[in-house]
Amino acid sequence: MSQEWMLDLLKDLRVVAHRQAMYEVAEHLDDVAVLVAREVQISNACLAAASAEDELDGDVSRAVAECDTP
């Protein structure tokens, strides 16, 4: 399942916050959206690296190493 639904949810929350004149909340939601986008990108890269490693039956060390860090 794609994790990009979180970005859609954050966008909707930001719109509501802005309409309710909760500008600081809307700004923080923008910041969170940037973090989520980065995490989704890393997660997708990790899944691709793991898939490539399985297909190659070998080591894709640099990409997989990044996925092992918490």
Protein backbone atom coordinates (compact mmCIF):
# COMPACT_ATOMS: atom_id res chain seq x y z
CA MET A 1 0.00 0.00 0.00
CA SER A 2 1.28 3.41 -0.92
CA GLN A 3 2.17 5.78 1.88
CA GLU A 4 1.39 8.84 -0.19
CA TRP A 5 -2.12 8.99 1.25
CA MET A 6 -0.50 10.70 4.24
CA LEU A 7 0.51 13.62 2.04
CA ASP A 8 -3.06 13.93 0.77
CA LEU A 9 -4.36 13.92 4.34
CA LEU A 10 -1.87 16.57 5.44
CA LYS A 11 -2.84 18.74 2.47
CA ASP A 12 -6.51 18.47 3.42
CA LEU A 13 -5.74 19.29 7.06
CA ARG A 14 -3.69 22.28 5.96
CA VAL A 15 -6.57 23.62 3.85
CA VAL A 16 -8.96 23.29 6.79
CA ALA A 17 -6.50 24.93 9.18
CA HIS A 18 -5.99 27.83 6.78
CA ARG A 19 -9.74 28.30 6.29
CA GLN A 20 -10.16 28.40 10.07
CA ALA A 21 -7.46 31.09 10.33
CA MET A 22 -5.14 28.65 12.09
CA TYR A 23 -2.13 29.89 10.17
CA GLU A 24 0.54 28.58 12.54
CA VAL A 25 -0.99 25.11 12.41
CA ALA A 26 -1.12 25.30 8.60
CA GLU A 27 2.56 26.25 8.55
CA HIS A 28 3.49 23.33 10.79
CA LEU A 29 1.51 20.99 8.58
CA ASP A 30 3.59 22.21 5.63
CA ASP A 31 6.72 21.28 7.58
CA VAL A 32 5.33 17.86 8.40
CA ALA A 33 4.41 17.31 4.75
CA VAL A 34 8.05 17.89 3.79
CA LEU A 35 9.16 15.30 6.35
CA VAL A 36 6.56 12.79 5.18
CA ALA A 37 7.55 13.29 1.54
CA ARG A 38 11.17 12.60 2.43
CA GLU A 39 10.27 9.51 4.44
CA VAL A 40 8.05 8.18 1.65
CA GLN A 41 10.89 8.69 -0.83
CA ILE A 42 13.35 6.85 1.43
CA SER A 43 10.86 4.07 2.04
CA ASN A 44 10.24 3.63 -1.67
CA ALA A 45 13.99 3.58 -2.33
CA CYS A 46 14.44 0.94 0.37
CA LEU A 47 11.72 -1.23 -1.11
CA ALA A 48 13.29 -0.90 -4.55
CA ALA A 49 16.74 -1.73 -3.18
CA ALA A 50 15.44 -4.75 -1.31
CA SER A 51 13.67 -5.92 -4.45
CA ALA A 52 16.83 -5.42 -6.51
CA GLU A 53 18.86 -7.32 -3.92
CA ASP A 54 16.41 -10.22 -4.07
CA GLU A 55 16.54 -10.26 -7.86
CA LEU A 56 20.33 -10.11 -7.95
CA ASP A 57 20.68 -12.56 -5.06
CA GLY A 58 23.56 -10.39 -3.96
CA ASP A 59 24.46 -7.22 -2.17
CA VAL A 60 23.14 -3.75 -2.86
CA SER A 61 24.99 -2.53 0.18
CA ARG A 62 24.78 1.26 0.08
CA ALA A 63 21.04 1.49 -0.62
CA VAL A 64 20.16 -1.24 1.86
CA ALA A 65 22.48 0.23 4.51
CA GLU A 66 20.46 3.45 4.42
CA CYS A 67 17.31 1.44 4.99
CA ASP A 68 18.71 -0.21 8.09
CA THR A 69 19.18 3.08 9.93
CA PRO A 70 16.27 4.02 12.22
